[in-house]
Amino acid sequence: MLMASLAGAQPTAPPPPDIAPPPPPSLGPIVAPPPMEASSEPSGADDEAAAPRPKPATPSGPPRAERSPTAILRVLDKVTAETLRFEAPVGRRVRYKSLVFEVRSCDTWGVHEPDPRPQAYVVIDADLGSAADGVLGAREVYKGWMFANAPAVHALQHPVFDAWLESCSDAPAPL
């Protein structure tokens, strides 16, 4: 009986091929991608080796700061209200009253821009003088970067003096 019911059943038609439903009218017409073109060049290894290859472009990286041989510093004596602007060559020690300045690096970022950004790494020692029993020597009061565009950023803690960077100079300081 089971066979009779299977034999009496009508054959089913194969399912229709998958046809995408038409897009809604608001999306516009369907555009088919262009057909792929066959390459007319042979893909032999000898041809690839003989053809010159373009060199890859090397990234230029970030801009570099321009180093200067001289830093221009300004010092304020808070007691006498005297200011002094002086040049400090990189690597040499310069004395102003009881302070000794040594500029280790003076760089300027964006030299060819309208607003260059000079910065200098400065070490400042306070000369403590000498005592009756011997020399007291110097004590480091500041070591770090000074920025000409932000003179208040540095942390020189001195009761008598204040110092800041004005700029970096390309002209070497006179000896």
N, C-alpha and C. Protein backbone atom coordinates (compact mmCIF):
# COMPACT_ATOMS: atom_id res chain seq x y z
N MET A 1 0.78 -1.15 0.00
CA MET A 1 0.00 0.00 0.00
C MET A 1 0.85 1.25 0.00
N LEU A 2 1.82 1.11 0.64
CA LEU A 2 2.76 2.21 0.64
C LEU A 2 3.32 2.41 -0.75
N MET A 3 3.52 1.31 -1.43
CA MET A 3 4.06 1.40 -2.79
C MET A 3 3.02 2.01 -3.72
N ALA A 4 1.78 1.68 -3.52
CA ALA A 4 0.75 2.21 -4.39
C ALA A 4 0.62 3.71 -4.20
N SER A 5 0.75 4.13 -2.98
CA SER A 5 0.62 5.57 -2.77
C SER A 5 1.83 6.31 -3.33
N LEU A 6 2.98 5.68 -3.30
CA LEU A 6 4.16 6.32 -3.89
C LEU A 6 4.06 6.30 -5.41
N ALA A 7 3.54 5.22 -5.96
CA ALA A 7 3.44 5.13 -7.40
C ALA A 7 2.37 6.06 -7.92
N GLY A 8 1.35 6.30 -7.13
CA GLY A 8 0.26 7.15 -7.57
C GLY A 8 0.57 8.63 -7.40
N ALA A 9 1.62 8.91 -6.74
CA ALA A 9 1.94 10.32 -6.51
C ALA A 9 2.44 10.95 -7.79
N GLN A 10 2.11 12.14 -7.97
CA GLN A 10 2.54 12.84 -9.17
C GLN A 10 4.00 13.27 -9.02
N PRO A 11 4.72 13.19 -10.10
CA PRO A 11 6.13 13.61 -10.02
C PRO A 11 6.20 15.12 -9.79
N THR A 12 7.19 15.49 -9.02
CA THR A 12 7.36 16.92 -8.73
C THR A 12 8.35 17.50 -9.72
N ALA A 13 8.10 18.71 -10.09
CA ALA A 13 9.00 19.39 -11.05
C ALA A 13 10.24 19.87 -10.30
N PRO A 14 11.36 19.85 -11.01
CA PRO A 14 12.56 20.34 -10.34
C PRO A 14 12.38 21.81 -9.96
N PRO A 15 13.02 22.23 -8.89
CA PRO A 15 12.84 23.64 -8.47
C PRO A 15 13.43 24.57 -9.52
N PRO A 16 12.85 25.73 -9.71
CA PRO A 16 13.37 26.68 -10.72
C PRO A 16 14.75 27.18 -10.27
N PRO A 17 15.61 27.55 -11.22
CA PRO A 17 16.94 28.07 -10.85
C PRO A 17 16.78 29.32 -9.99
N ASP A 18 17.83 29.55 -9.16
CA ASP A 18 17.76 30.70 -8.26
C ASP A 18 17.78 31.99 -9.08
N ILE A 19 16.71 32.68 -8.98
CA ILE A 19 16.57 33.96 -9.68
C ILE A 19 16.37 35.01 -8.60
N ALA A 20 17.23 36.02 -8.64
CA ALA A 20 17.10 37.07 -7.65
C ALA A 20 15.85 37.87 -7.95
N PRO A 21 15.15 38.24 -6.92
CA PRO A 21 13.96 39.05 -7.15
C PRO A 21 14.39 40.43 -7.67
N PRO A 22 13.57 41.05 -8.45
CA PRO A 22 13.93 42.37 -8.98
C PRO A 22 14.09 43.37 -7.84
N PRO A 23 15.04 44.28 -7.96
CA PRO A 23 15.24 45.23 -6.87
C PRO A 23 14.07 46.20 -6.79
N PRO A 24 13.89 46.76 -5.64
CA PRO A 24 12.83 47.75 -5.51
C PRO A 24 13.12 48.93 -6.44
N PRO A 25 12.11 49.60 -6.91
CA PRO A 25 12.33 50.68 -7.87
C PRO A 25 13.16 51.84 -7.30
N SER A 26 13.27 51.97 -5.99
CA SER A 26 13.99 53.10 -5.43
C SER A 26 15.51 52.91 -5.53
N LEU A 27 16.01 51.68 -5.75
CA LEU A 27 17.44 51.45 -5.79
C LEU A 27 18.03 51.67 -7.16
N GLY A 28 17.28 51.77 -8.17
CA GLY A 28 17.79 52.03 -9.50
C GLY A 28 18.10 50.75 -10.24
N PRO A 29 18.61 50.85 -11.47
CA PRO A 29 18.85 49.67 -12.29
C PRO A 29 20.08 48.91 -11.80
N ILE A 30 20.13 47.64 -12.11
CA ILE A 30 21.27 46.80 -11.77
C ILE A 30 22.30 46.95 -12.88
N VAL A 31 23.53 47.20 -12.50
CA VAL A 31 24.60 47.35 -13.47
C VAL A 31 25.54 46.18 -13.29
N ALA A 32 25.78 45.47 -14.33
CA ALA A 32 26.67 44.31 -14.26
C ALA A 32 28.11 44.80 -14.35
N PRO A 33 29.04 44.11 -13.65
CA PRO A 33 30.44 44.51 -13.74
C PRO A 33 30.97 44.23 -15.13
N PRO A 34 31.99 44.97 -15.58
CA PRO A 34 32.53 44.74 -16.92
C PRO A 34 33.19 43.38 -16.98
N PRO A 35 33.18 42.77 -18.15
CA PRO A 35 33.79 41.44 -18.26
C PRO A 35 35.30 41.54 -18.08
N MET A 36 35.87 40.49 -17.54
CA MET A 36 37.32 40.47 -17.31
C MET A 36 38.00 40.22 -18.65
N GLU A 37 39.03 41.02 -18.91
CA GLU A 37 39.76 40.87 -20.17
C GLU A 37 40.91 39.91 -19.95
N ALA A 38 41.11 39.11 -20.92
CA ALA A 38 42.23 38.17 -20.85
C ALA A 38 43.51 38.92 -21.14
N SER A 39 44.54 38.60 -20.42
CA SER A 39 45.83 39.26 -20.60
C SER A 39 46.45 38.78 -21.90
N SER A 40 46.88 39.74 -22.73
CA SER A 40 47.47 39.38 -24.00
C SER A 40 48.97 39.11 -23.85
N GLU A 41 49.53 39.44 -22.68
CA GLU A 41 50.95 39.21 -22.45
C GLU A 41 51.16 37.81 -21.93
N PRO A 42 52.19 37.14 -22.40
CA PRO A 42 52.48 35.82 -21.85
C PRO A 42 53.00 35.98 -20.42
N SER A 43 52.68 35.02 -19.61
CA SER A 43 53.08 35.11 -18.21
C SER A 43 54.33 34.27 -17.95
N GLY A 44 55.28 34.36 -18.82
CA GLY A 44 56.51 33.61 -18.64
C GLY A 44 57.42 34.28 -17.62
N ALA A 45 58.19 33.49 -16.93
CA ALA A 45 59.09 34.01 -15.91
C ALA A 45 60.22 34.81 -16.54
N ASP A 46 60.62 34.46 -17.78
CA ASP A 46 61.70 35.17 -18.44
C ASP A 46 61.29 36.59 -18.78
N ASP A 47 60.03 36.79 -19.17
CA ASP A 47 59.57 38.11 -19.51
C ASP A 47 59.51 39.01 -18.28
N GLU A 48 59.13 38.43 -17.15
CA GLU A 48 59.04 39.22 -15.92
C GLU A 48 60.42 39.65 -15.47
N ALA A 49 61.41 38.78 -15.63
CA ALA A 49 62.76 39.13 -15.20
C ALA A 49 63.36 40.19 -16.11
N ALA A 50 63.03 40.18 -17.40
CA ALA A 50 63.60 41.11 -18.36
C ALA A 50 62.96 42.49 -18.26
N ALA A 51 61.70 42.55 -17.88
CA ALA A 51 61.00 43.83 -17.81
C ALA A 51 61.49 44.61 -16.59
N PRO A 52 61.76 45.90 -16.75
CA PRO A 52 62.19 46.69 -15.60
C PRO A 52 61.03 46.89 -14.63
N ARG A 53 61.34 46.75 -13.37
CA ARG A 53 60.32 46.92 -12.34
C ARG A 53 60.46 48.32 -11.74
N PRO A 54 59.34 48.96 -11.48
CA PRO A 54 59.44 50.27 -10.85
C PRO A 54 59.90 50.12 -9.40
N LYS A 55 60.71 51.05 -8.97
CA LYS A 55 61.21 51.01 -7.59
C LYS A 55 60.10 51.48 -6.66
N PRO A 56 59.94 50.80 -5.54
CA PRO A 56 58.92 51.26 -4.60
C PRO A 56 59.34 52.59 -3.99
N ALA A 57 58.38 53.42 -3.77
CA ALA A 57 58.66 54.73 -3.18
C ALA A 57 59.00 54.57 -1.71
N THR A 58 60.10 55.16 -1.29
CA THR A 58 60.48 55.09 0.12
C THR A 58 59.76 56.20 0.87
N PRO A 59 59.21 55.87 2.02
CA PRO A 59 58.50 56.90 2.77
C PRO A 59 59.50 57.93 3.30
N SER A 60 59.11 59.18 3.24
CA SER A 60 60.01 60.24 3.67
C SER A 60 60.06 60.36 5.18
N GLY A 61 59.05 59.91 5.88
CA GLY A 61 59.04 59.98 7.33
C GLY A 61 58.69 61.38 7.82
N PRO A 62 58.72 61.54 9.13
CA PRO A 62 58.37 62.85 9.67
C PRO A 62 59.50 63.85 9.41
N PRO A 63 59.18 65.14 9.42
CA PRO A 63 60.23 66.13 9.20
C PRO A 63 61.21 66.11 10.37
N ARG A 64 62.44 66.46 10.07
CA ARG A 64 63.48 66.47 11.11
C ARG A 64 63.74 67.91 11.54
N ALA A 65 64.17 68.02 12.78
CA ALA A 65 64.53 69.33 13.30
C ALA A 65 65.91 69.71 12.79
N GLU A 66 66.11 71.01 12.59
CA GLU A 66 67.41 71.49 12.17
C GLU A 66 68.21 71.87 13.41
N ARG A 67 69.41 71.32 13.50
CA ARG A 67 70.28 71.59 14.64
C ARG A 67 71.00 72.91 14.43
N SER A 68 71.18 73.62 15.52
CA SER A 68 71.87 74.91 15.48
C SER A 68 73.06 74.86 16.42
N PRO A 69 74.12 75.60 16.09
CA PRO A 69 75.31 75.59 16.95
C PRO A 69 75.20 76.51 18.16
N THR A 70 74.18 77.37 18.19
CA THR A 70 74.10 78.36 19.26
C THR A 70 72.65 78.53 19.73
N ALA A 71 72.49 78.65 21.05
CA ALA A 71 71.18 78.96 21.63
C ALA A 71 71.21 80.40 22.12
N ILE A 72 70.10 81.09 21.97
CA ILE A 72 69.99 82.45 22.48
C ILE A 72 69.07 82.39 23.69
N LEU A 73 69.63 82.72 24.85
CA LEU A 73 68.92 82.64 26.13
C LEU A 73 68.74 84.03 26.71
N ARG A 74 67.76 84.16 27.57
CA ARG A 74 67.54 85.40 28.31
C ARG A 74 67.41 85.05 29.78
N VAL A 75 68.06 85.87 30.62
CA VAL A 75 68.06 85.66 32.06
C VAL A 75 67.53 86.92 32.74
N LEU A 76 66.72 86.72 33.75
CA LEU A 76 66.18 87.82 34.55
C LEU A 76 66.69 87.68 35.98
N ASP A 77 67.31 88.74 36.47
CA ASP A 77 67.70 88.81 37.88
C ASP A 77 66.51 89.42 38.61
N LYS A 78 65.84 88.67 39.44
CA LYS A 78 64.60 89.12 40.08
C LYS A 78 64.86 90.18 41.15
N VAL A 79 66.08 90.26 41.67
CA VAL A 79 66.39 91.24 42.71
C VAL A 79 66.61 92.61 42.10
N THR A 80 67.40 92.67 41.03
CA THR A 80 67.73 93.97 40.43
C THR A 80 66.86 94.29 39.21
N ALA A 81 66.03 93.38 38.77
CA ALA A 81 65.18 93.52 37.58
C ALA A 81 66.01 93.71 36.32
N GLU A 82 67.22 93.19 36.32
CA GLU A 82 68.10 93.27 35.17
C GLU A 82 67.89 92.04 34.29
N THR A 83 67.82 92.27 32.98
CA THR A 83 67.73 91.15 32.04
C THR A 83 68.96 91.17 31.16
N LEU A 84 69.36 90.00 30.74
CA LEU A 84 70.50 89.88 29.84
C LEU A 84 70.17 88.83 28.79
N ARG A 85 70.39 89.19 27.54
CA ARG A 85 70.22 88.26 26.42
C ARG A 85 71.61 87.88 25.96
N PHE A 86 71.89 86.57 25.88
CA PHE A 86 73.23 86.14 25.50
C PHE A 86 73.15 84.89 24.65
N GLU A 87 74.25 84.65 23.91
CA GLU A 87 74.37 83.46 23.08
C GLU A 87 75.18 82.42 23.83
N ALA A 88 74.70 81.19 23.81
CA ALA A 88 75.39 80.08 24.46
C ALA A 88 75.69 79.02 23.41
N PRO A 89 76.96 78.84 23.05
CA PRO A 89 77.31 77.80 22.07
C PRO A 89 77.01 76.41 22.63
N VAL A 90 76.59 75.53 21.76
CA VAL A 90 76.29 74.16 22.16
C VAL A 90 77.59 73.49 22.61
N GLY A 91 77.56 72.90 23.80
CA GLY A 91 78.71 72.18 24.32
C GLY A 91 79.68 73.01 25.14
N ARG A 92 79.47 74.33 25.24
CA ARG A 92 80.37 75.17 26.04
C ARG A 92 79.61 75.73 27.22
N ARG A 93 80.33 76.00 28.31
CA ARG A 93 79.72 76.55 29.52
C ARG A 93 79.81 78.07 29.48
N VAL A 94 78.69 78.72 29.85
CA VAL A 94 78.61 80.17 29.87
C VAL A 94 78.14 80.59 31.26
N ARG A 95 78.83 81.57 31.86
CA ARG A 95 78.50 82.03 33.21
C ARG A 95 77.76 83.36 33.14
N TYR A 96 76.70 83.46 33.97
CA TYR A 96 76.03 84.72 34.22
C TYR A 96 75.85 84.82 35.73
N LYS A 97 76.56 85.75 36.33
CA LYS A 97 76.58 85.92 37.79
C LYS A 97 76.89 84.58 38.45
N SER A 98 75.98 84.01 39.22
CA SER A 98 76.28 82.73 39.89
C SER A 98 75.71 81.52 39.16
N LEU A 99 75.16 81.72 37.96
CA LEU A 99 74.62 80.60 37.18
C LEU A 99 75.60 80.21 36.09
N VAL A 100 75.70 78.92 35.82
CA VAL A 100 76.53 78.41 34.74
C VAL A 100 75.61 77.62 33.81
N PHE A 101 75.53 78.05 32.54
CA PHE A 101 74.65 77.44 31.54
C PHE A 101 75.48 76.56 30.63
N GLU A 102 74.94 75.37 30.33
CA GLU A 102 75.53 74.51 29.31
C GLU A 102 74.40 74.00 28.42
N VAL A 103 74.44 74.41 27.16
CA VAL A 103 73.44 73.97 26.19
C VAL A 103 73.99 72.72 25.52
N ARG A 104 73.24 71.64 25.58
CA ARG A 104 73.70 70.38 24.99
C ARG A 104 73.12 70.14 23.61
N SER A 105 72.00 70.76 23.30
CA SER A 105 71.38 70.62 21.99
C SER A 105 70.44 71.79 21.77
N CYS A 106 70.42 72.30 20.54
CA CYS A 106 69.49 73.36 20.19
C CYS A 106 68.90 73.02 18.82
N ASP A 107 67.63 72.70 18.77
CA ASP A 107 66.95 72.26 17.55
C ASP A 107 65.78 73.18 17.26
N THR A 108 65.48 73.32 15.98
CA THR A 108 64.32 74.09 15.57
C THR A 108 63.47 73.24 14.64
N TRP A 109 62.22 73.04 15.01
CA TRP A 109 61.25 72.30 14.19
C TRP A 109 60.52 73.30 13.32
N GLY A 110 60.32 72.95 12.05
CA GLY A 110 59.54 73.80 11.15
C GLY A 110 60.24 75.11 10.83
N VAL A 111 61.51 75.05 10.46
CA VAL A 111 62.28 76.26 10.17
C VAL A 111 61.65 77.06 9.04
N HIS A 112 61.12 76.39 8.04
CA HIS A 112 60.57 77.07 6.87
C HIS A 112 59.08 77.34 7.00
N GLU A 113 58.52 77.14 8.17
CA GLU A 113 57.11 77.43 8.42
C GLU A 113 56.99 78.84 9.01
N PRO A 114 55.80 79.40 9.02
CA PRO A 114 55.64 80.75 9.56
C PRO A 114 55.92 80.83 11.07
N ASP A 115 55.73 79.74 11.80
CA ASP A 115 55.93 79.75 13.24
C ASP A 115 56.90 78.63 13.63
N PRO A 116 58.23 78.86 13.54
CA PRO A 116 59.18 77.80 13.91
C PRO A 116 59.13 77.54 15.42
N ARG A 117 59.54 76.33 15.81
CA ARG A 117 59.47 75.92 17.21
C ARG A 117 60.87 75.54 17.73
N PRO A 118 61.65 76.51 18.25
CA PRO A 118 62.97 76.19 18.79
C PRO A 118 62.85 75.52 20.16
N GLN A 119 63.79 74.62 20.41
CA GLN A 119 63.87 73.95 21.70
C GLN A 119 65.33 73.67 21.99
N ALA A 120 65.70 73.67 23.27
CA ALA A 120 67.10 73.44 23.64
C ALA A 120 67.13 72.60 24.91
N TYR A 121 68.10 71.70 24.96
CA TYR A 121 68.34 70.93 26.18
C TYR A 121 69.43 71.66 26.94
N VAL A 122 69.09 72.14 28.14
CA VAL A 122 69.98 73.01 28.89
C VAL A 122 70.21 72.42 30.28
N VAL A 123 71.46 72.54 30.75
CA VAL A 123 71.81 72.19 32.12
C VAL A 123 72.29 73.48 32.78
N ILE A 124 71.69 73.84 33.92
CA ILE A 124 72.06 75.06 34.64
C ILE A 124 72.54 74.66 36.02
N ASP A 125 73.75 75.11 36.34
CA ASP A 125 74.33 74.88 37.66
C ASP A 125 74.40 76.21 38.40
N ALA A 126 74.20 76.16 39.72
CA ALA A 126 74.36 77.34 40.56
C ALA A 126 75.70 77.20 41.26
N ASP A 127 76.56 78.19 41.04
CA ASP A 127 77.87 78.19 41.68
C ASP A 127 77.67 78.61 43.13
N LEU A 128 78.02 77.73 44.03
CA LEU A 128 77.80 77.99 45.44
C LEU A 128 78.95 78.77 46.07
N GLY A 129 79.98 79.04 45.30
CA GLY A 129 81.11 79.80 45.83
C GLY A 129 82.07 78.89 46.57
N SER A 130 82.84 79.48 47.47
CA SER A 130 83.80 78.69 48.24
C SER A 130 83.66 79.04 49.72
N ALA A 131 83.97 78.08 50.54
CA ALA A 131 83.91 78.27 51.98
C ALA A 131 85.35 78.41 52.51
N ALA A 132 85.48 78.75 53.76
CA ALA A 132 86.80 78.93 54.35
C ALA A 132 87.58 77.62 54.36
N ASP A 133 86.87 76.50 54.50
CA ASP A 133 87.57 75.22 54.57
C ASP A 133 87.76 74.58 53.19
N GLY A 134 87.18 75.13 52.18
CA GLY A 134 87.35 74.55 50.84
C GLY A 134 86.28 75.03 49.88
N VAL A 135 86.29 74.43 48.72
CA VAL A 135 85.36 74.82 47.66
C VAL A 135 84.05 74.05 47.83
N LEU A 136 82.94 74.77 47.76
CA LEU A 136 81.64 74.12 47.83
C LEU A 136 81.23 73.54 46.47
N GLY A 137 81.65 74.18 45.41
CA GLY A 137 81.34 73.67 44.08
C GLY A 137 80.05 74.20 43.53
N ALA A 138 79.46 73.41 42.65
CA ALA A 138 78.24 73.81 41.97
C ALA A 138 77.13 72.80 42.26
N ARG A 139 75.92 73.28 42.21
CA ARG A 139 74.75 72.43 42.42
C ARG A 139 73.85 72.59 41.20
N GLU A 140 73.40 71.47 40.65
CA GLU A 140 72.53 71.51 39.48
C GLU A 140 71.14 72.00 39.90
N VAL A 141 70.69 73.08 39.25
CA VAL A 141 69.36 73.62 39.58
C VAL A 141 68.35 73.35 38.48
N TYR A 142 68.82 73.01 37.28
CA TYR A 142 67.88 72.72 36.19
C TYR A 142 68.58 71.83 35.18
N LYS A 143 67.84 70.85 34.67
CA LYS A 143 68.31 70.01 33.58
C LYS A 143 67.07 69.57 32.80
N GLY A 144 66.99 69.97 31.54
CA GLY A 144 65.84 69.56 30.73
C GLY A 144 65.68 70.43 29.51
N TRP A 145 64.55 70.23 28.83
CA TRP A 145 64.24 70.95 27.59
C TRP A 145 63.58 72.28 27.92
N MET A 146 63.99 73.30 27.18
CA MET A 146 63.32 74.60 27.21
C MET A 146 62.74 74.85 25.82
N PHE A 147 61.54 75.40 25.79
CA PHE A 147 60.85 75.66 24.53
C PHE A 147 60.63 77.15 24.38
N ALA A 148 61.05 77.71 23.25
CA ALA A 148 60.92 79.15 23.04
C ALA A 148 59.45 79.57 22.93
N ASN A 149 58.60 78.72 22.39
CA ASN A 149 57.18 79.07 22.22
C ASN A 149 56.40 78.94 23.51
N ALA A 150 56.97 78.29 24.52
CA ALA A 150 56.30 78.11 25.80
C ALA A 150 57.31 78.32 26.93
N PRO A 151 57.70 79.56 27.18
CA PRO A 151 58.76 79.80 28.18
C PRO A 151 58.37 79.42 29.61
N ALA A 152 57.09 79.35 29.90
CA ALA A 152 56.67 79.02 31.26
C ALA A 152 56.64 77.51 31.52
N VAL A 153 56.89 76.71 30.50
CA VAL A 153 56.80 75.26 30.67
C VAL A 153 57.97 74.71 31.48
N HIS A 154 59.15 75.30 31.33
CA HIS A 154 60.32 74.77 32.05
C HIS A 154 60.16 74.98 33.54
N ALA A 155 60.94 74.24 34.31
CA ALA A 155 60.76 74.25 35.76
C ALA A 155 62.02 74.71 36.47
N LEU A 156 62.62 75.83 36.05
CA LEU A 156 63.77 76.38 36.74
C LEU A 156 63.29 76.94 38.07
N GLN A 157 63.69 76.32 39.16
CA GLN A 157 63.28 76.76 40.49
C GLN A 157 64.48 77.45 41.14
N HIS A 158 64.54 78.77 41.04
CA HIS A 158 65.63 79.53 41.63
C HIS A 158 65.04 80.79 42.25
N PRO A 159 65.46 81.13 43.47
CA PRO A 159 64.86 82.30 44.12
C PRO A 159 65.29 83.64 43.53
N VAL A 160 66.44 83.69 42.84
CA VAL A 160 66.94 84.97 42.35
C VAL A 160 66.82 85.11 40.85
N PHE A 161 66.96 84.03 40.09
CA PHE A 161 67.03 84.11 38.64
C PHE A 161 65.88 83.37 37.96
N ASP A 162 65.56 83.85 36.78
CA ASP A 162 64.65 83.16 35.88
C ASP A 162 65.35 83.15 34.53
N ALA A 163 65.25 82.04 33.80
CA ALA A 163 65.93 81.93 32.50
C ALA A 163 65.01 81.21 31.52
N TRP A 164 65.11 81.59 30.25
CA TRP A 164 64.32 80.94 29.22
C TRP A 164 65.02 81.03 27.88
N LEU A 165 64.60 80.17 26.96
CA LEU A 165 65.15 80.13 25.61
C LEU A 165 64.38 81.10 24.73
N GLU A 166 65.13 81.88 23.94
CA GLU A 166 64.48 82.76 22.96
C GLU A 166 64.47 82.14 21.58
N SER A 167 65.61 81.60 21.14
CA SER A 167 65.68 81.00 19.81
C SER A 167 66.97 80.21 19.67
N CYS A 168 67.10 79.57 18.53
CA CYS A 168 68.34 78.89 18.15
C CYS A 168 68.91 79.66 16.97
N SER A 169 70.22 79.79 16.94
CA SER A 169 70.86 80.59 15.90
C SER A 169 71.77 79.72 15.06
N ASP A 170 71.77 79.95 13.75
CA ASP A 170 72.65 79.21 12.86
C ASP A 170 74.06 79.78 12.86
N ALA A 171 74.22 81.04 13.27
CA ALA A 171 75.54 81.65 13.30
C ALA A 171 76.29 81.17 14.54
N PRO A 172 77.50 80.66 14.36
CA PRO A 172 78.25 80.23 15.55
C PRO A 172 78.60 81.42 16.42
N ALA A 173 78.59 81.20 17.71
CA ALA A 173 78.91 82.27 18.65
C ALA A 173 80.40 82.60 18.57
N PRO A 174 80.76 83.86 18.75
CA PRO A 174 82.19 84.19 18.72
C PRO A 174 82.90 83.56 19.90
N LEU A 175 84.15 83.20 19.66
CA LEU A 175 84.93 82.55 20.73
C LEU A 175 85.45 83.50 21.73
